[in-house]
Structure formats: C-alpha cells, structure tokens
Amino acid sequence: MTAVMPWLGLSLLIFVGLGVVFTGIPAAVVLLAAACFGAVVGAISGAAPVQLLGVLPERLINLLENDLLQAIPLYVLMGTLINRLPLAEALYRCSTAILRGPAAPVVSGLVLGALLGPMNGSVGASVLALSRVVEPRLAASGIALPRRAAIITVASTLGVVVPPSLVLILLGDAMLNAHTIAVTATGREDRVINTQDVFHGALVPAALYLAACLAIGWWFNRRVKPDQAAASTAAPRPTVQQAVLAVVTVAAILILLGGVTTGYFYAVEAAAMGGFILLVAGFVTGRLPLPVLNEVLRDALALTGALFFLLVAATTLTLVLRILGTDQLVADWIAAIPGGTVSATLIVLGGIGLSALVLDAFEIIFVVVPIVIPPLLIRVADARWVAVLVLLALQASFINPLIGYAVMMTRTVLKQAIPFPALLRSLLPYLFAQAALLLAVLLVPQLTHVGEGVDDRSRKPPAISDRELQRRFEQMIQPVEPPPLDVEPRR
C-alpha cells in the first residue's frame, strides 16, 4: 500500500488540473480539496505519517513571515491604480506621435505592454489596460480582429519577463527555496541564488524577446492601405499635459526598474515607491476621489487575498504530496533521465509546459516548481539558467493558443467572436520567436550570465540573510521525519 501513495499524489495533481479547467471552482478551493482528500486517504490506509500535518501551521506562519511577499499587495495596488489613472492613454498617444507610420499603433501597443506590464502586477491587469487604450486605436487603423487580439495577448505578457514583474518575484523566491534544498542535498558549495539573480539572468532574454516582438509587429503591419490608415493619422495628438505626464512616467518607470535591476532597490521598496507615486499623482490630478479610491483599495484587497489564499492552499497540497512521497517519486524519475543537463532540463520544462495547459503561472510556481525543480537542481548546478528557462516557459504558457491565460483573458475582454484559425495564424510569428528564444537560452546558458562577475557578486548584498536561508531549509525538511513518540508511559 505504501508504494501506491506516491502515485496517489500524482493523481491529486491531475485532479487539480481537471478541477480547475472543468468545474469553474476557484483554484485555491480545488487545491485544498485535493490536499484534504490525500490526507484522509493516507490516514485511513495508515501508509503515510499523516501526523506530520501537525507542522502545517508552523509552515504557513514561516511562509507568511517572508518579507518578499509584501511586494504582492503593492504590485496589485499599482496595477489597479494604473487602470484608473490616464497613464496608458498619455504614453500611447505620445508613442504613436513619435513613431508615426502604419505600424505605429502596433509597435506603441507592444511598447506600452513592456513599460506598464511589470508595474501592473498581473497579466490580467495588463490585458484590461491594453484592451481599453490600444485595441480601439488598432481597430481604427484597419487591423483585423484576430491580429488585434494577438497583439493585445503578446503585449500583456511582456511584463512577465521584464524585471521586476510579480511572476518573476514569486518565481525567484521559489527558486531560492529549491536551490537551498539542492545545495544542501548535494553538499556543493554553490552560492544560493536570490530574486536579484533571476532579475539579472532574465535581462538579456527579455530584451531579445521584446526586440523580436517589436520587429514582428512592425514587419506585419508596415503596409496598411492608406485609406485604412487615415483614421490613425487623424487620431488626436497628445496634449502638453499628456506629454509631460508621459515623460515623467517613463522616467519614473526606468528609475524604478533600473534600480531594482542594478540592486539599488529591492522589489518591495520599488513597489512601495511606485504605489506611493501613483497615489500622489492620483490625488494631485483629482483622479482619485474618495469613491474611486475605495473601489481601488477594494479591488486590490480582493486580488491580494485571492493570491494569498492560493499560496496557502498550494503550500498545504505540497506538504501532503511530501507526506505521500510524491516528491521522492518525481526526484527518482528526474535522476533516471538519460543524457546530460540539457536533456534533463528539457524534459522538466516539457512537464511544466503540460502543466500550463491546465494551470496558470501562479499555480505552477506554488505547486509544480517546489516538486520538480529541487531534484533538477541536484543534477543541474546552474540554478540561474534553470530559473530563466522556467520563467520563459511560464511566459510562453500565457500565449498558448488553446487555453493560455492571456489568450482567454483577451477573448473575454474583447467580447467578440474570434475564429481560432485566424487567431492562431496571428500568434504564430510570436510563438516562433518565443520558441527560438527558449531554444537559444537552452543551448547557450551564457545568455543568462551576461555581466555577471566576481566583483558584481561581492558588491551586491544578498536578497536574504543566511539565517533566513537556514530557517527556510529547516522548515522544508520538517516533513521528512515523523515527530518523536513518547518513550515513557503517561501517568
């Protein structure tokens, strides 16, 4: 019966994927239901030490004590404020006025996604902002609906790979935990990576993908017929106030993103500064009266609560999977993969890609990454390379033409029937660019280490203390051994 328990854990993962897709129940509820079912079966069978569930409260407390999680509500607040303030409109008008030409609306939309995406905090917020500001202008420029949907979809995901995005922050924290386990298990003297390392590793791949998207957007829209482009040329030009707002916004974004990337700001500090600047701007311009501010804060609290609920539910399920031995089963599979580091990494990325068919990026980071990445890092020493590959795989999952989150959000927000073959044709160039980038990073790991050196490592302070690393590792290994039993009878 004991040998069956790890397979029960795998069936729970399948149940989670099917439940999220076909029931419409919130993912966190499905995760908790799967965890409870696994714990009950383990208790009834007696094959799993379910008394280890007693460490769950301590694990959750340790989890929520992580300072990095403060960035979640701050980024969510920034995203809701960006949707309320006229930042996107000002940036878009100024960009089209500078670029000009038939392809200017498309390129401007992609640039807007790259600029505001990291500050929006989520792909869904980026889809809403771009659909409101960019999509009507694309329609006025004579661009067909499938191509407009593809542009909105791709632009909304650019913020995933541009530091410091919310997905990147959460993945960096998950990679820190996974690398800690791998280094301790192997005895290697590797420096444990932190979120800052993931930021730096993603810079060159993110720049390459952004450049490819801009080139694709310009090439396929450079020859719009003059009569179709007339509406675009007649679009209102930016006012002086909008021009000033655009310049200040771009400067603030570049300072924040540059500060985080270079290590002068941590992600939480940058998010706090960004949120404060947006709040002040809203008050000064009169765009945030009390009723609107109440709506912004309510939306931010609701989304933050949903993310934390998802994190707690995922932590509970991963504990149950460890109790059932599923993590060891997966580790044995990964250890038995033939070939070298590239083949093992490619197969694990394929598994993450399959998970992306039914789970979104947050669920993959919270549930799948803690199970599959530690054994992979035992085989593969370059944790920074693995982290960037996982990040790119997650970003690609958003534009999956079948059920990618960004694709589904775009189709829902646009509220128009989009033929799937036409949408697929419009997305194909961007999908090819994403696949080429993944292949390039897979075969050339040096792309994730550009600018890395000994002096840079010594200058940058770690994102987390050694004491915190030790505390996290002790928290992770608690479920390995059952608590001691009483050696004397009670009186």
Protein backbone atom coordinates (compact mmCIF):
# COMPACT_ATOMS: atom_id res chain seq x y z
CA MET A 1 0.00 0.00 0.00
CA THR A 2 2.93 2.34 0.77
CA ALA A 3 4.17 2.10 -2.81
CA VAL A 4 0.78 3.32 -4.02
CA MET A 5 0.83 6.56 -2.02
CA PRO A 6 3.25 8.48 -4.32
CA TRP A 7 1.01 7.64 -7.28
CA LEU A 8 -1.96 8.92 -5.30
CA GLY A 9 -0.13 12.25 -5.11
CA LEU A 10 0.26 12.31 -8.90
CA SER A 11 -3.43 11.57 -9.30
CA LEU A 12 -4.15 14.52 -6.99
CA LEU A 13 -2.20 16.78 -9.33
CA ILE A 14 -4.22 15.52 -12.28
CA PHE A 15 -7.40 16.06 -10.27
CA VAL A 16 -6.34 19.65 -9.59
CA GLY A 17 -5.78 20.34 -13.28
CA LEU A 18 -9.11 18.85 -14.33
CA GLY A 19 -10.95 20.53 -11.49
CA VAL A 20 -9.61 23.97 -12.36
CA VAL A 21 -10.49 23.59 -16.05
CA PHE A 22 -13.89 21.89 -15.94
CA THR A 23 -15.56 22.95 -12.68
CA GLY A 24 -15.04 26.71 -12.62
CA ILE A 25 -14.32 26.47 -8.89
CA PRO A 26 -11.52 28.78 -7.69
CA ALA A 27 -8.13 27.11 -7.95
CA ALA A 28 -7.38 27.56 -4.26
CA VAL A 29 -10.53 25.63 -3.29
CA VAL A 30 -9.60 22.81 -5.67
CA LEU A 31 -6.08 22.67 -4.20
CA LEU A 32 -7.43 22.46 -0.65
CA ALA A 33 -9.94 19.78 -1.64
CA ALA A 34 -7.18 17.69 -3.21
CA ALA A 35 -4.98 18.13 -0.13
CA CYS A 36 -7.79 17.09 2.24
CA PHE A 37 -8.63 14.04 0.12
CA GLY A 38 -4.99 12.93 0.04
CA ALA A 39 -4.62 13.39 3.79
CA VAL A 40 -7.80 11.41 4.51
CA VAL A 41 -6.77 8.53 2.25
CA GLY A 42 -3.31 8.48 3.80
CA ALA A 43 -4.76 8.42 7.31
CA ILE A 44 -7.28 5.66 6.58
CA SER A 45 -4.69 3.46 4.85
CA GLY A 46 -2.06 4.04 7.52
CA ALA A 47 0.59 4.10 4.81
CA ALA A 48 1.50 7.77 5.25
CA PRO A 49 2.55 9.51 8.50
CA VAL A 50 -0.31 11.98 8.49
CA GLN A 51 0.68 13.18 11.97
CA LEU A 52 3.16 15.31 10.05
CA LEU A 53 0.23 17.54 9.15
CA GLY A 54 0.76 18.98 12.62
CA VAL A 55 3.63 21.04 11.22
CA LEU A 56 1.32 22.77 8.73
CA PRO A 57 0.52 25.80 10.97
CA GLU A 58 4.23 26.43 11.53
CA ARG A 59 4.94 26.10 7.82
CA LEU A 60 2.23 28.63 7.00
CA ILE A 61 3.47 31.06 9.65
CA ASN A 62 7.03 30.78 8.33
CA LEU A 63 5.74 31.23 4.80
CA LEU A 64 3.84 34.42 5.59
CA GLU A 65 6.82 35.84 7.51
CA ASN A 66 8.68 36.11 4.21
CA ASP A 67 9.37 39.82 3.65
CA LEU A 68 9.28 39.38 -0.12
CA LEU A 69 5.54 38.66 -0.02
CA GLN A 70 4.98 42.30 0.89
CA ALA A 71 5.51 43.02 -2.79
CA ILE A 72 2.29 41.21 -3.74
CA PRO A 73 -0.26 43.74 -2.39
CA LEU A 74 1.95 46.63 -3.51
CA TYR A 75 2.15 45.40 -7.10
CA VAL A 76 -1.56 44.65 -7.14
CA LEU A 77 -2.24 48.18 -5.90
CA MET A 78 -0.01 49.59 -8.63
CA GLY A 79 -1.91 47.62 -11.24
CA THR A 80 -5.30 48.87 -10.07
CA LEU A 81 -4.03 52.46 -9.94
CA ILE A 82 -2.60 52.27 -13.46
CA ASN A 83 -6.00 51.16 -14.72
CA ARG A 84 -7.63 54.19 -13.04
CA LEU A 85 -5.11 56.88 -13.99
CA PRO A 86 -4.62 58.20 -17.57
CA LEU A 87 -1.02 56.94 -17.78
CA ALA A 88 -1.60 54.40 -20.54
CA GLU A 89 -3.51 56.90 -22.69
CA ALA A 90 -0.76 59.52 -22.41
CA LEU A 91 2.03 57.03 -23.16
CA TYR A 92 0.20 55.59 -26.14
CA ARG A 93 -0.58 58.95 -27.73
CA CYS A 94 2.99 60.16 -27.34
CA SER A 95 4.41 56.92 -28.72
CA THR A 96 2.25 56.98 -31.85
CA ALA A 97 3.07 60.67 -32.39
CA ILE A 98 6.80 59.90 -32.25
CA LEU A 99 6.83 56.70 -34.31
CA ARG A 100 4.26 57.58 -37.00
CA GLY A 101 3.54 55.29 -39.94
CA PRO A 102 1.00 52.46 -40.38
CA ALA A 103 2.74 50.19 -37.87
CA ALA A 104 2.96 52.87 -35.16
CA PRO A 105 -0.20 51.73 -33.27
CA VAL A 106 1.05 48.13 -33.11
CA VAL A 107 4.57 49.00 -32.01
CA SER A 108 3.20 51.51 -29.49
CA GLY A 109 0.92 48.87 -28.02
CA LEU A 110 3.84 46.47 -27.57
CA VAL A 111 5.99 49.20 -26.02
CA LEU A 112 3.15 50.08 -23.66
CA GLY A 113 2.90 46.45 -22.57
CA ALA A 114 6.64 46.32 -21.87
CA LEU A 115 6.59 49.57 -19.88
CA LEU A 116 3.47 49.08 -17.79
CA GLY A 117 3.44 45.29 -17.61
CA PRO A 118 5.96 44.98 -14.75
CA MET A 119 4.07 47.64 -12.78
CA ASN A 120 0.62 46.20 -13.50
CA GLY A 121 1.40 43.20 -11.32
CA SER A 122 -0.55 40.68 -13.38
CA VAL A 123 -1.28 39.68 -16.96
CA GLY A 124 -4.99 40.20 -16.39
CA ALA A 125 -4.49 43.84 -15.41
CA SER A 126 -2.32 44.39 -18.50
CA VAL A 127 -4.99 42.85 -20.76
CA LEU A 128 -7.63 45.18 -19.30
CA ALA A 129 -5.47 48.29 -19.71
CA LEU A 130 -4.34 47.48 -23.24
CA SER A 131 -7.83 46.47 -24.36
CA ARG A 132 -9.20 49.80 -23.18
CA VAL A 133 -6.47 52.03 -24.64
CA VAL A 134 -4.83 50.20 -27.54
CA GLU A 135 -7.50 47.97 -29.08
CA PRO A 136 -9.83 50.79 -30.29
CA ARG A 137 -6.88 52.52 -31.95
CA LEU A 138 -5.80 49.29 -33.63
CA ALA A 139 -9.34 48.84 -34.93
CA ALA A 140 -9.35 52.40 -36.24
CA SER A 141 -6.09 51.66 -38.05
CA GLY A 142 -7.73 48.90 -40.07
CA ILE A 143 -6.08 45.97 -38.28
CA ALA A 144 -8.20 42.83 -38.32
CA LEU A 145 -9.70 41.49 -35.10
CA PRO A 146 -7.54 38.31 -34.85
CA ARG A 147 -4.38 40.35 -35.26
CA ARG A 148 -5.57 42.88 -32.68
CA ALA A 149 -6.24 40.06 -30.23
CA ALA A 150 -2.77 38.61 -30.87
CA ILE A 151 -1.11 41.98 -30.25
CA ILE A 152 -3.02 42.52 -27.00
CA THR A 153 -2.19 38.97 -25.89
CA VAL A 154 1.54 39.25 -26.54
CA ALA A 155 1.87 42.80 -25.18
CA SER A 156 0.15 41.82 -21.93
CA THR A 157 2.74 39.07 -21.30
CA LEU A 158 5.86 41.17 -21.90
CA GLY A 159 5.78 42.33 -18.29
CA VAL A 160 6.27 38.74 -17.14
CA VAL A 161 9.89 38.63 -18.26
CA VAL A 162 10.76 42.31 -17.71
CA PRO A 163 12.02 42.81 -14.13
CA PRO A 164 10.55 43.27 -11.63
CA SER A 165 7.30 41.51 -12.56
CA LEU A 166 5.15 39.80 -9.94
CA VAL A 167 5.60 36.41 -11.63
CA LEU A 168 9.35 36.92 -11.66
CA ILE A 169 9.42 37.87 -7.97
CA LEU A 170 7.42 34.83 -6.90
CA LEU A 171 9.47 32.54 -9.13
CA GLY A 172 12.69 33.97 -7.70
CA ASP A 173 11.52 33.14 -4.18
CA ALA A 174 10.52 29.62 -5.22
CA MET A 175 13.90 29.11 -6.92
CA LEU A 176 15.68 30.26 -3.76
CA ASN A 177 13.89 27.56 -1.77
CA ALA A 178 14.52 24.90 -4.41
CA HIS A 179 18.21 25.79 -4.74
CA THR A 180 18.62 25.68 -0.95
CA ILE A 181 17.34 22.10 -0.91
CA ALA A 182 19.56 21.08 -3.84
CA VAL A 183 22.74 22.63 -2.40
CA THR A 184 22.16 21.04 0.98
CA ALA A 185 21.39 17.63 -0.54
CA THR A 186 24.49 17.59 -2.77
CA GLY A 187 26.93 19.29 -0.42
CA ARG A 188 28.02 21.65 -3.18
CA GLU A 189 29.46 24.99 -2.15
CA ASP A 190 27.31 26.92 -4.61
CA ARG A 191 26.07 30.38 -3.78
CA VAL A 192 22.28 30.10 -3.38
CA ILE A 193 20.58 32.30 -5.96
CA ASN A 194 18.12 35.00 -4.97
CA THR A 195 15.46 37.05 -6.71
CA GLN A 196 18.04 39.60 -7.81
CA ASP A 197 19.95 36.88 -9.68
CA VAL A 198 16.78 35.89 -11.52
CA PHE A 199 16.23 39.56 -12.42
CA HIS A 200 19.71 39.83 -13.90
CA GLY A 201 19.51 36.49 -15.68
CA ALA A 202 16.26 37.47 -17.39
CA LEU A 203 17.54 40.81 -18.73
CA VAL A 204 19.15 39.64 -21.98
CA PRO A 205 16.42 37.08 -22.90
CA ALA A 206 13.74 39.68 -22.13
CA ALA A 207 15.50 42.26 -24.31
CA LEU A 208 15.82 39.76 -27.17
CA TYR A 209 12.15 38.78 -27.00
CA LEU A 210 11.00 42.39 -26.81
CA ALA A 211 13.12 43.28 -29.83
CA ALA A 212 11.71 40.27 -31.74
CA CYS A 213 8.12 41.26 -30.89
CA LEU A 214 8.68 44.85 -31.98
CA ALA A 215 10.24 43.67 -35.25
CA ILE A 216 7.35 41.27 -35.90
CA GLY A 217 4.76 43.92 -35.09
CA TRP A 218 6.39 46.41 -37.46
CA TRP A 219 7.00 43.92 -40.30
CA PHE A 220 3.47 42.51 -40.49
CA ASN A 221 1.78 45.91 -40.21
CA ARG A 222 4.13 48.15 -42.21
CA ARG A 223 1.93 48.18 -45.35
CA VAL A 224 -1.55 49.08 -44.18
CA LYS A 225 -3.56 50.59 -47.02
CA PRO A 226 -3.66 54.41 -46.97
CA ASP A 227 -7.43 54.62 -46.65
CA GLN A 228 -7.37 52.27 -43.66
CA ALA A 229 -4.58 54.21 -42.01
CA ALA A 230 -6.39 57.53 -42.40
CA ALA A 231 -8.22 57.06 -39.12
CA SER A 232 -4.92 56.54 -37.35
CA THR A 233 -3.36 59.73 -38.73
CA ALA A 234 -6.45 61.67 -37.70
CA ALA A 235 -6.25 60.40 -34.13
CA PRO A 236 -5.93 63.17 -31.53
CA ARG A 237 -2.37 64.21 -30.82
CA PRO A 238 -1.11 64.31 -27.23
CA THR A 239 -1.71 67.47 -25.27
CA VAL A 240 1.06 69.27 -23.44
CA GLN A 241 -0.19 67.83 -20.16
CA GLN A 242 -0.15 64.31 -21.59
CA ALA A 243 3.35 64.82 -23.00
CA VAL A 244 4.65 65.94 -19.60
CA LEU A 245 2.86 63.06 -17.91
CA ALA A 246 4.36 60.58 -20.39
CA VAL A 247 7.91 61.89 -19.88
CA VAL A 248 7.59 61.80 -16.09
CA THR A 249 6.03 58.32 -16.20
CA VAL A 250 8.75 56.87 -18.43
CA ALA A 251 11.47 58.43 -16.27
CA ALA A 252 9.91 57.05 -13.08
CA ILE A 253 9.49 53.56 -14.59
CA LEU A 254 13.07 53.48 -15.85
CA ILE A 255 14.41 54.65 -12.48
CA LEU A 256 12.41 52.03 -10.59
CA LEU A 257 13.16 49.17 -12.98
CA GLY A 258 16.80 50.20 -13.31
CA GLY A 259 17.16 50.50 -9.54
CA VAL A 260 15.75 47.02 -8.96
CA THR A 261 17.81 45.51 -11.76
CA THR A 262 21.08 47.05 -10.58
CA GLY A 263 20.45 46.18 -6.94
CA TYR A 264 19.96 49.70 -5.59
CA PHE A 265 16.32 48.94 -4.74
CA TYR A 266 14.75 45.72 -3.64
CA ALA A 267 11.50 44.69 -5.28
CA VAL A 268 9.40 45.57 -2.22
CA GLU A 269 10.97 49.03 -1.97
CA ALA A 270 10.42 49.70 -5.67
CA ALA A 271 6.79 48.59 -5.45
CA ALA A 272 6.23 50.80 -2.41
CA MET A 273 7.75 53.81 -4.17
CA GLY A 274 5.73 53.15 -7.32
CA GLY A 275 2.49 52.80 -5.39
CA PHE A 276 3.19 55.99 -3.44
CA ILE A 277 3.99 57.96 -6.60
CA LEU A 278 0.80 56.74 -8.29
CA LEU A 279 -1.31 57.61 -5.24
CA VAL A 280 0.16 61.12 -5.07
CA ALA A 281 -0.36 61.60 -8.81
CA GLY A 282 -3.98 60.49 -8.48
CA PHE A 283 -4.64 62.89 -5.59
CA VAL A 284 -2.92 65.85 -7.28
CA THR A 285 -4.75 65.39 -10.60
CA GLY A 286 -8.09 64.79 -8.90
CA ARG A 287 -8.44 61.34 -10.47
CA LEU A 288 -8.81 59.59 -7.12
CA PRO A 289 -11.83 60.97 -5.29
CA LEU A 290 -12.90 59.04 -2.23
CA PRO A 291 -15.41 56.73 -4.01
CA VAL A 292 -12.83 55.81 -6.67
CA LEU A 293 -10.14 55.29 -4.04
CA ASN A 294 -12.46 52.96 -2.13
CA GLU A 295 -13.01 50.90 -5.29
CA VAL A 296 -9.26 50.76 -5.98
CA LEU A 297 -8.46 49.58 -2.47
CA ARG A 298 -11.31 47.06 -2.51
CA ASP A 299 -10.13 45.59 -5.81
CA ALA A 300 -6.53 45.46 -4.58
CA LEU A 301 -7.53 43.72 -1.35
CA ALA A 302 -9.70 41.20 -3.20
CA LEU A 303 -6.96 40.23 -5.65
CA THR A 304 -4.31 40.16 -2.92
CA GLY A 305 -6.49 37.93 -0.79
CA ALA A 306 -7.04 35.58 -3.72
CA LEU A 307 -3.28 35.29 -4.32
CA PHE A 308 -2.50 34.64 -0.65
CA PHE A 309 -5.32 32.09 -0.44
CA LEU A 310 -3.82 30.36 -3.46
CA LEU A 311 -0.38 30.39 -1.84
CA VAL A 312 -1.69 28.89 1.42
CA ALA A 313 -3.67 26.21 -0.42
CA ALA A 314 -0.68 25.32 -2.59
CA THR A 315 1.59 25.07 0.47
CA THR A 316 -0.90 22.69 2.08
CA LEU A 317 -1.05 20.49 -1.01
CA THR A 318 2.75 20.36 -1.39
CA LEU A 319 3.03 19.24 2.24
CA VAL A 320 0.54 16.43 1.59
CA LEU A 321 2.47 15.42 -1.54
CA ARG A 322 5.67 15.21 0.50
CA ILE A 323 3.92 13.09 3.13
CA LEU A 324 2.67 10.75 0.41
CA GLY A 325 6.18 10.52 -1.07
CA THR A 326 5.27 12.01 -4.44
CA ASP A 327 8.24 14.38 -4.35
CA GLN A 328 10.63 11.43 -3.94
CA LEU A 329 8.97 9.59 -6.82
CA VAL A 330 9.42 12.61 -9.06
CA ALA A 331 13.01 13.02 -7.87
CA ASP A 332 13.76 9.40 -8.79
CA TRP A 333 12.30 9.95 -12.25
CA ILE A 334 14.37 13.07 -12.83
CA ALA A 335 17.51 11.35 -11.58
CA ALA A 336 16.90 8.49 -14.03
CA ILE A 337 16.54 10.74 -17.10
CA PRO A 338 19.25 9.65 -19.56
CA GLY A 339 21.66 12.17 -21.02
CA GLY A 340 23.16 15.30 -19.59
CA THR A 341 21.86 18.53 -18.12
CA VAL A 342 20.20 19.73 -21.32
CA SER A 343 18.07 16.63 -21.77
CA ALA A 344 17.00 16.60 -18.10
CA THR A 345 16.16 20.30 -18.20
CA LEU A 346 14.26 19.94 -21.47
CA ILE A 347 12.10 17.11 -20.11
CA VAL A 348 11.29 19.02 -16.92
CA LEU A 349 10.38 22.10 -18.97
CA GLY A 350 8.13 19.87 -21.06
CA GLY A 351 6.38 18.77 -17.87
CA ILE A 352 5.91 22.39 -16.84
CA GLY A 353 4.54 23.11 -20.30
CA LEU A 354 1.99 20.31 -19.93
CA SER A 355 1.01 21.69 -16.53
CA ALA A 356 0.47 25.07 -18.17
CA LEU A 357 -2.35 23.57 -20.23
CA VAL A 358 -4.49 23.42 -17.10
CA LEU A 359 -2.74 25.63 -14.53
CA ASP A 360 -1.77 29.29 -14.65
CA ALA A 361 1.67 30.67 -13.80
CA PHE A 362 0.95 31.29 -10.10
CA GLU A 363 -0.36 27.76 -9.56
CA ILE A 364 2.69 26.31 -11.34
CA ILE A 365 5.06 28.39 -9.21
CA PHE A 366 3.29 27.43 -5.98
CA VAL A 367 2.62 23.73 -6.71
CA VAL A 368 4.75 22.33 -9.54
CA VAL A 369 8.04 24.19 -9.08
CA PRO A 370 8.58 23.01 -5.45
CA ILE A 371 8.16 19.39 -6.62
CA VAL A 372 10.16 19.22 -9.86
CA ILE A 373 12.85 21.91 -9.57
CA PRO A 374 14.80 20.75 -6.45
CA PRO A 375 15.67 17.33 -7.98
CA LEU A 376 16.52 19.04 -11.27
CA LEU A 377 18.92 21.41 -9.48
CA ILE A 378 20.57 18.38 -7.89
CA ARG A 379 21.55 17.35 -11.43
CA VAL A 380 22.00 20.83 -12.90
CA ALA A 381 24.30 23.17 -11.00
CA ASP A 382 23.38 26.33 -12.94
CA ALA A 383 20.31 27.45 -10.99
CA ARG A 384 20.22 30.86 -12.64
CA TRP A 385 19.93 29.28 -16.08
CA VAL A 386 17.18 26.94 -14.91
CA ALA A 387 15.27 29.83 -13.33
CA VAL A 388 15.28 31.85 -16.55
CA LEU A 389 14.19 28.83 -18.59
CA VAL A 390 11.29 28.23 -16.21
CA LEU A 391 10.37 31.92 -16.43
CA LEU A 392 10.35 31.80 -20.24
CA ALA A 393 8.28 28.61 -20.17
CA LEU A 394 5.74 30.30 -17.90
CA GLN A 395 5.63 33.34 -20.17
CA ALA A 396 5.07 31.08 -23.18
CA SER A 397 2.24 29.33 -21.34
CA PHE A 398 0.29 32.59 -21.23
CA ILE A 399 0.15 32.82 -25.04
CA ASN A 400 -0.72 29.17 -25.55
CA PRO A 401 -3.34 29.45 -28.35
CA LEU A 402 -5.55 26.74 -26.82
CA ILE A 403 -6.13 27.81 -23.23
CA GLY A 404 -3.35 30.27 -22.46
CA TYR A 405 -4.37 32.68 -19.72
CA ALA A 406 -3.62 35.82 -21.74
CA VAL A 407 -5.45 34.41 -24.79
CA MET A 408 -8.53 33.54 -22.74
CA MET A 409 -8.50 36.91 -20.97
CA THR A 410 -8.20 38.79 -24.26
CA ARG A 411 -11.06 36.90 -25.87
CA THR A 412 -13.21 37.51 -22.80
CA VAL A 413 -12.44 41.23 -22.55
CA LEU A 414 -12.90 41.95 -26.26
CA LYS A 415 -16.32 40.24 -26.16
CA GLN A 416 -16.16 39.36 -29.85
CA ALA A 417 -16.09 36.00 -31.61
CA ILE A 418 -12.54 35.40 -32.83
CA PRO A 419 -12.08 32.43 -35.21
CA PHE A 420 -9.40 30.17 -33.77
CA PRO A 421 -7.56 29.51 -37.09
CA ALA A 422 -7.20 33.24 -37.73
CA LEU A 423 -6.04 33.87 -34.16
CA LEU A 424 -3.52 31.05 -34.43
CA ARG A 425 -2.10 32.50 -37.66
CA SER A 426 -1.75 35.89 -35.98
CA LEU A 427 0.01 34.40 -32.96
CA LEU A 428 2.35 32.10 -34.90
CA PRO A 429 5.16 34.65 -35.51
CA TYR A 430 5.30 35.48 -31.82
CA LEU A 431 5.14 31.79 -30.89
CA PHE A 432 8.05 31.05 -33.21
CA ALA A 433 10.03 33.90 -31.64
CA GLN A 434 9.27 32.53 -28.17
CA ALA A 435 10.32 29.00 -29.19
CA ALA A 436 13.53 30.32 -30.78
CA LEU A 437 14.38 32.25 -27.62
CA LEU A 438 13.76 29.20 -25.43
CA LEU A 439 15.99 27.11 -27.68
CA ALA A 440 18.72 29.76 -27.69
CA VAL A 441 18.75 30.03 -23.88
CA LEU A 442 18.65 26.25 -23.56
CA LEU A 443 21.69 25.78 -25.79
CA VAL A 444 23.58 28.92 -24.74
CA PRO A 445 23.35 29.27 -20.94
CA GLN A 446 25.76 32.21 -21.10
CA LEU A 447 22.82 34.39 -22.19
CA THR A 448 21.64 34.31 -18.57
CA HIS A 449 25.07 35.27 -17.19
CA VAL A 450 25.86 38.39 -19.22
CA GLY A 451 27.54 40.97 -17.00
CA GLU A 452 27.94 38.53 -14.10
CA GLY A 453 31.28 38.65 -12.36
CA VAL A 454 33.02 38.17 -9.07
CA ASP A 455 33.08 41.88 -8.32
CA ASP A 456 29.38 42.16 -9.03
CA ARG A 457 28.60 39.24 -6.73
CA SER A 458 30.63 40.70 -3.89
CA ARG A 459 29.15 44.18 -4.30
CA LYS A 460 25.53 43.09 -4.35
CA PRO A 461 24.02 42.33 -0.97
CA PRO A 462 22.07 39.08 -0.83
CA ALA A 463 18.30 39.40 -1.01
CA ILE A 464 18.01 37.25 2.10
CA SER A 465 20.21 36.54 5.10
CA ASP A 466 21.99 33.26 5.86
CA ARG A 467 19.88 32.90 8.98
CA GLU A 468 16.73 33.17 6.88
CA LEU A 469 18.09 30.56 4.47
CA GLN A 470 18.75 28.18 7.36
CA ARG A 471 15.28 28.77 8.78
CA ARG A 472 13.68 28.05 5.40
CA PHE A 473 15.65 24.86 4.94
CA GLU A 474 14.70 23.59 8.39
CA GLN A 475 11.08 24.37 7.55
CA MET A 476 11.33 22.34 4.31
CA ILE A 477 12.87 19.25 5.86
CA GLN A 478 10.48 19.06 8.80
CA PRO A 479 8.10 16.66 7.00
CA VAL A 480 10.90 14.18 6.27
CA GLU A 481 10.87 12.53 9.70
CA PRO A 482 7.87 11.94 11.96
CA PRO A 483 7.82 13.62 15.35
CA PRO A 484 9.31 11.54 18.21
CA LEU A 485 6.99 9.28 20.14
CA ASP A 486 6.78 9.21 23.92
CA VAL A 487 9.31 6.74 25.34
CA GLU A 488 7.68 6.54 28.76
CA PRO A 489 4.07 5.73 29.56
CA ARG A 490 2.00 8.65 30.71
CA ARG A 491 0.90 8.64 34.30
